[in-house]
C-alpha atoms as a PDB file:
ATOM      1  CA  MET A   1      13.728  23.366  -7.603  1.00  0.00           C
ATOM      2  CA  SER A   2      11.157  25.641  -9.831  1.00  0.00           C
ATOM      3  CA  SER A   3       7.872  25.029  -8.642  1.00  0.00           C
ATOM      4  CA  ALA A   4       6.505  23.878 -11.997  1.00  0.00           C
ATOM      5  CA  SER A   5       9.219  20.996 -11.054  1.00  0.00           C
ATOM      6  CA  ALA A   6       8.424  20.498  -7.648  1.00  0.00           C
ATOM      7  CA  ASP A   7       4.409  19.823  -8.975  1.00  0.00           C
ATOM      8  CA  ARG A   8       5.374  17.435 -11.421  1.00  0.00           C
ATOM      9  CA  ARG A   9       7.179  15.909  -8.394  1.00  0.00           C
ATOM     10  CA  ARG A  10       4.330  15.758  -6.026  1.00  0.00           C
ATOM     11  CA  LEU A  11       2.026  14.627  -9.388  1.00  0.00           C
ATOM     12  CA  ALA A  12       4.076  11.538  -9.902  1.00  0.00           C
ATOM     13  CA  LEU A  13       4.320  10.366  -6.467  1.00  0.00           C
ATOM     14  CA  ALA A  14       0.292  11.461  -5.894  1.00  0.00           C
ATOM     15  CA  LEU A  15      -0.451   9.264  -9.132  1.00  0.00           C
ATOM     16  CA  VAL A  16       1.249   6.453  -7.663  1.00  0.00           C
ATOM     17  CA  LEU A  17      -0.230   6.527  -4.694  1.00  0.00           C
ATOM     18  CA  ALA A  18      -4.016   6.789  -6.142  1.00  0.00           C
ATOM     19  CA  LEU A  19      -2.833   3.695  -8.491  1.00  0.00           C
ATOM     20  CA  SER A  20      -1.710   1.645  -5.435  1.00  0.00           C
ATOM     21  CA  GLY A  21      -4.364   2.863  -3.312  1.00  0.00           C
ATOM     22  CA  VAL A  22      -7.329   2.031  -6.155  1.00  0.00           C
ATOM     23  CA  GLY A  23      -5.699  -1.702  -6.523  1.00  0.00           C
ATOM     24  CA  ASP A  24      -5.232  -2.149  -2.949  1.00  0.00           C
ATOM     25  CA  ALA A  25      -9.327  -1.025  -2.407  1.00  0.00           C
ATOM     26  CA  LEU A  26     -10.471  -3.345  -5.354  1.00  0.00           C
ATOM     27  CA  GLY A  27      -8.323  -6.199  -4.720  1.00  0.00           C
ATOM     28  CA  GLY A  28      -9.611  -6.193  -0.897  1.00  0.00           C
ATOM     29  CA  LEU A  29     -12.936  -5.996  -2.198  1.00  0.00           C
ATOM     30  CA  TRP A  30     -12.652  -9.082  -4.268  1.00  0.00           C
ATOM     31  CA  ALA A  31     -11.317 -10.696  -1.598  1.00  0.00           C
ATOM     32  CA  VAL A  32     -13.940 -10.303   0.719  1.00  0.00           C
ATOM     33  CA  PHE A  33     -16.387 -11.103  -2.076  1.00  0.00           C
ATOM     34  CA  ASP A  34     -14.817 -13.403  -4.266  1.00  0.00           C
ATOM     35  CA  TRP A  35     -12.571 -15.394  -1.646  1.00  0.00           C
ATOM     36  CA  LYS A  36     -12.005 -18.320  -3.801  1.00  0.00           C
ATOM     37  CA  GLY A  37     -11.726 -16.433  -7.215  1.00  0.00           C
ATOM     38  CA  VAL A  38      -8.964 -14.674  -5.220  1.00  0.00           C
ATOM     39  CA  SER A  39      -7.747 -17.670  -4.024  1.00  0.00           C
ATOM     40  CA  ALA A  40      -7.372 -19.336  -7.675  1.00  0.00           C
ATOM     41  CA  PHE A  41      -6.251 -16.060  -9.587  1.00  0.00           C
ATOM     42  CA  MET A  42      -3.189 -15.792  -6.814  1.00  0.00           C
ATOM     43  CA  ALA A  43      -2.387 -19.650  -6.939  1.00  0.00           C
ATOM     44  CA  GLY A  44      -2.161 -19.387 -10.507  1.00  0.00           C
ATOM     45  CA  SER A  45      -0.596 -15.889 -11.123  1.00  0.00           C
ATOM     46  CA  ILE A  46       2.302 -16.651  -7.957  1.00  0.00           C
ATOM     47  CA  PRO A  47       4.101 -19.239  -7.261  1.00  0.00           C
ATOM     48  CA  ASP A  48       4.303 -19.133  -3.595  1.00  0.00           C
ATOM     49  CA  TRP A  49       0.892 -18.743  -3.243  1.00  0.00           C
ATOM     50  CA  ASP A  50       0.332 -22.517  -4.590  1.00  0.00           C
ATOM     51  CA  ALA A  51      -0.989 -23.894  -0.823  1.00  0.00           C
ATOM     52  CA  VAL A  52      -3.815 -21.196  -1.184  1.00  0.00           C
ATOM     53  CA  GLY A  53      -4.924 -22.168  -4.237  1.00  0.00           C
ATOM     54  CA  ARG A  54      -4.485 -26.320  -2.864  1.00  0.00           C
ATOM     55  CA  ALA A  55      -6.314 -25.657   0.261  1.00  0.00           C
ATOM     56  CA  ALA A  56      -9.496 -23.534  -2.035  1.00  0.00           C
ATOM     57  CA  ARG A  57      -9.871 -26.083  -3.870  1.00  0.00           C
ATOM     58  CA  ARG A  58     -10.050 -28.688  -1.543  1.00  0.00           C
ATOM     59  CA  GLY A  59     -12.519 -27.262   0.335  1.00  0.00           C
ATOM     60  CA  VAL A  60     -10.967 -27.971   3.801  1.00  0.00           C
ATOM     61  CA  GLU A  61     -11.868 -25.283   6.257  1.00  0.00           C
ATOM     62  CA  ASP A  62     -14.061 -22.934   3.933  1.00  0.00           C
ATOM     63  CA  ALA A  63     -15.346 -21.052   6.982  1.00  0.00           C
ATOM     64  CA  ALA A  64     -12.153 -19.830   8.356  1.00  0.00           C
ATOM     65  CA  LEU A  65     -10.371 -19.505   4.888  1.00  0.00           C
ATOM     66  CA  ARG A  66     -13.383 -16.968   3.846  1.00  0.00           C
ATOM     67  CA  GLN A  67     -12.964 -15.456   7.361  1.00  0.00           C
ATOM     68  CA  LEU A  68      -9.179 -14.914   6.831  1.00  0.00           C
ATOM     69  CA  TRP A  69      -9.500 -13.447   3.346  1.00  0.00           C
ATOM     70  CA  ALA A  70     -12.673 -11.256   4.900  1.00  0.00           C
ATOM     71  CA  ASN A  71     -10.224  -9.966   7.187  1.00  0.00           C
ATOM     72  CA  LEU A  72      -7.111  -9.647   4.321  1.00  0.00           C
ATOM     73  CA  GLY A  73      -9.886  -8.009   2.057  1.00  0.00           C
ATOM     74  CA  THR A  74     -10.892  -5.163   4.398  1.00  0.00           C
ATOM     75  CA  ALA A  75      -7.455  -4.441   5.633  1.00  0.00           C
ATOM     76  CA  LEU A  76      -6.717  -3.946   1.873  1.00  0.00           C
ATOM     77  CA  VAL A  77      -9.362  -1.636   1.558  1.00  0.00           C
ATOM     78  CA  ALA A  78      -8.230   0.381   4.760  1.00  0.00           C
ATOM     79  CA  LEU A  79      -5.014   0.527   3.139  1.00  0.00           C
ATOM     80  CA  GLY A  80      -6.170   1.564  -0.211  1.00  0.00           C
ATOM     81  CA  ALA A  81      -8.243   4.529   1.542  1.00  0.00           C
ATOM     82  CA  THR A  82      -5.078   6.068   3.317  1.00  0.00           C
ATOM     83  CA  GLN A  83      -2.973   5.792   0.013  1.00  0.00           C
ATOM     84  CA  LEU A  84      -6.228   7.760  -1.658  1.00  0.00           C
ATOM     85  CA  VAL A  85      -5.907  10.042   0.954  1.00  0.00           C
ATOM     86  CA  ALA A  86      -2.326  10.479   0.861  1.00  0.00           C
ATOM     87  CA  ALA A  87      -2.406  11.068  -2.839  1.00  0.00           C
ATOM     88  CA  TRP A  88      -4.942  13.837  -2.556  1.00  0.00           C
ATOM     89  CA  TRP A  89      -3.110  15.275   0.261  1.00  0.00           C
ATOM     90  CA  VAL A  90       0.013  15.153  -1.843  1.00  0.00           C
ATOM     91  CA  ARG A  91      -1.507  16.570  -5.048  1.00  0.00           C
ATOM     92  CA  GLY A  92      -2.582  19.422  -2.424  1.00  0.00           C
ATOM     93  CA  GLY A  93       0.433  20.080  -1.617  1.00  0.00           C
ATOM     94  CA  ARG A  94      -0.023  19.702   2.090  1.00  0.00           C
ATOM     95  CA  ALA A  95       2.850  18.027   4.465  1.00  0.00           C
ATOM     96  CA  GLU A  96       0.521  15.810   5.518  1.00  0.00           C
ATOM     97  CA  GLY A  97       0.287  14.209   2.471  1.00  0.00           C
ATOM     98  CA  LEU A  98       4.075  13.706   2.168  1.00  0.00           C
ATOM     99  CA  ALA A  99       3.735  12.415   5.489  1.00  0.00           C
ATOM    100  CA  LEU A 100       1.255   9.759   5.542  1.00  0.00           C
ATOM    101  CA  ALA A 101       2.951   8.248   1.903  1.00  0.00           C
ATOM    102  CA  ARG A 102       6.533   7.591   3.841  1.00  0.00           C
ATOM    103  CA  LEU A 103       4.230   5.910   6.453  1.00  0.00           C
ATOM    104  CA  VAL A 104       2.128   3.854   3.689  1.00  0.00           C
ATOM    105  CA  GLY A 105       5.800   3.328   1.723  1.00  0.00           C
ATOM    106  CA  ALA A 106       7.342   1.866   4.899  1.00  0.00           C
ATOM    107  CA  ALA A 107       4.701  -0.054   6.036  1.00  0.00           C
ATOM    108  CA  LEU A 108       4.865  -1.745   2.560  1.00  0.00           C
ATOM    109  CA  VAL A 109       8.037  -2.192   3.082  1.00  0.00           C
ATOM    110  CA  LEU A 110       7.641  -4.043   6.251  1.00  0.00           C
ATOM    111  CA  ALA A 111       5.183  -6.543   5.414  1.00  0.00           C
ATOM    112  CA  GLY A 112       6.864  -7.409   2.023  1.00  0.00           C
ATOM    113  CA  LEU A 113       9.639  -8.451   4.214  1.00  0.00           C
ATOM    114  CA  LEU A 114       7.351  -9.999   6.814  1.00  0.00           C
ATOM    115  CA  MET A 115       5.284 -11.712   3.942  1.00  0.00           C
ATOM    116  CA  ALA A 116       8.924 -13.095   2.554  1.00  0.00           C
ATOM    117  CA  GLY A 117      10.386 -14.250   6.079  1.00  0.00           C
ATOM    118  CA  PRO A 118       8.136 -15.508   8.245  1.00  0.00           C
ATOM    119  CA  GLY A 119       5.364 -15.715   5.552  1.00  0.00           C
ATOM    120  CA  GLY A 120       7.707 -17.530   3.192  1.00  0.00           C
ATOM    121  CA  GLN A 121       6.427 -15.588   0.186  1.00  0.00           C
ATOM    122  CA  VAL A 122       9.635 -14.168  -1.531  1.00  0.00           C
ATOM    123  CA  SER A 123       7.194 -12.762  -4.295  1.00  0.00           C
ATOM    124  CA  SER A 124       5.900 -10.231  -1.634  1.00  0.00           C
ATOM    125  CA  LEU A 125       9.725  -8.414  -2.189  1.00  0.00           C
ATOM    126  CA  GLY A 126       8.618  -8.021  -5.752  1.00  0.00           C
ATOM    127  CA  THR A 127       5.071  -6.622  -4.810  1.00  0.00           C
ATOM    128  CA  GLU A 128       4.552  -5.201  -1.763  1.00  0.00           C
ATOM    129  CA  ALA A 129       8.214  -4.018  -0.762  1.00  0.00           C
ATOM    130  CA  ALA A 130       8.858  -2.723  -4.432  1.00  0.00           C
ATOM    131  CA  ARG A 131       6.224  -0.932  -3.827  1.00  0.00           C
ATOM    132  CA  GLY A 132       6.826   0.626  -0.706  1.00  0.00           C
ATOM    133  CA  ALA A 133      10.260   1.302  -1.617  1.00  0.00           C
ATOM    134  CA  LEU A 134       8.911   3.241  -4.804  1.00  0.00           C
ATOM    135  CA  ILE A 135       6.786   5.206  -2.807  1.00  0.00           C
ATOM    136  CA  LEU A 136       8.948   5.794  -0.165  1.00  0.00           C
ATOM    137  CA  GLY A 137      11.712   7.456  -2.935  1.00  0.00           C
ATOM    138  CA  LEU A 138       9.251   9.149  -4.886  1.00  0.00           C
ATOM    139  CA  ALA A 139       8.325  10.932  -1.858  1.00  0.00           C
ATOM    140  CA  ALA A 140      11.823  11.666  -1.357  1.00  0.00           C
ATOM    141  CA  TRP A 141      12.081  13.057  -4.772  1.00  0.00           C
ATOM    142  CA  ALA A 142       9.267  15.263  -4.131  1.00  0.00           C
ATOM    143  CA  THR A 143      10.794  16.818  -1.300  1.00  0.00           C
ATOM    144  CA  SER A 144      14.078  16.897  -2.736  1.00  0.00           C
ATOM    145  CA  GLY A 145      14.379  20.703  -3.127  1.00  0.00           C
ATOM    146  CA  GLY A 146      14.162  22.501  -0.376  1.00  0.00           C
ATOM    147  CA  GLU A 147      10.431  23.932  -0.997  1.00  0.00           C
ATOM    148  CA  ILE A 148       9.118  21.712   1.910  1.00  0.00           C
ATOM    149  CA  THR A 149      10.629  22.470   5.182  1.00  0.00           C
ATOM    150  CA  ARG A 150       8.373  20.931   7.520  1.00  0.00           C
ATOM    151  CA  ASP A 151       6.656  17.191   6.677  1.00  0.00           C
ATOM    152  CA  ALA A 152       4.326  17.315   9.468  1.00  0.00           C
ATOM    153  CA  PRO A 153       1.550  19.836  11.387  1.00  0.00           C
ATOM    154  CA  GLU A 154       2.826  21.181  13.933  1.00  0.00           C
ATOM    155  CA  GLY A 155       1.742  19.872  17.894  1.00  0.00           C
ATOM    156  CA  PRO A 156      -0.343  21.320  20.253  1.00  0.00           C
ATOM    157  CA  LYS A 157       1.182  24.955  21.286  1.00  0.00           C
ATOM    158  CA  ARG A 158       2.906  24.388  24.530  1.00  0.00           C
ATOM    159  CA  ARG A 159       2.057  26.735  27.458  1.00  0.00           C
ATOM    160  CA  GLY A 160       4.130  28.221  29.461  1.00  0.00           C
END
């Protein structure tokens, strides 16, 4: 694979990570500061989120829902920041970025499966899980050519 081809592949992965990261970070901030607005939007946009919309409209346990949305929102901000760091590192050609991209992709697939299964939100297979699979696929594509031989930094040197 040529250097230009490797650069294009890393750029594609970095762009997807950056877009995903910005989306998660902004969505997380929205959830923290306007949980009722997020609840209404999600319930109106995604069919299996209607229970969230009903709970927010009824005003039952507003304090608990606000707290849950704040927890979800801050986790999304952290995930978004992680994806932005991975994008920066991938674009810079650092192997750590590819390792972090794989971790983010796998975590998103797992999150989508858990939300769809025990959480009952099947739509998460088409959002989180699909986004994670895309990131994993792009990470594999970005390294398909043999230019990158090591995906993680070396550990501490052994004595002896």
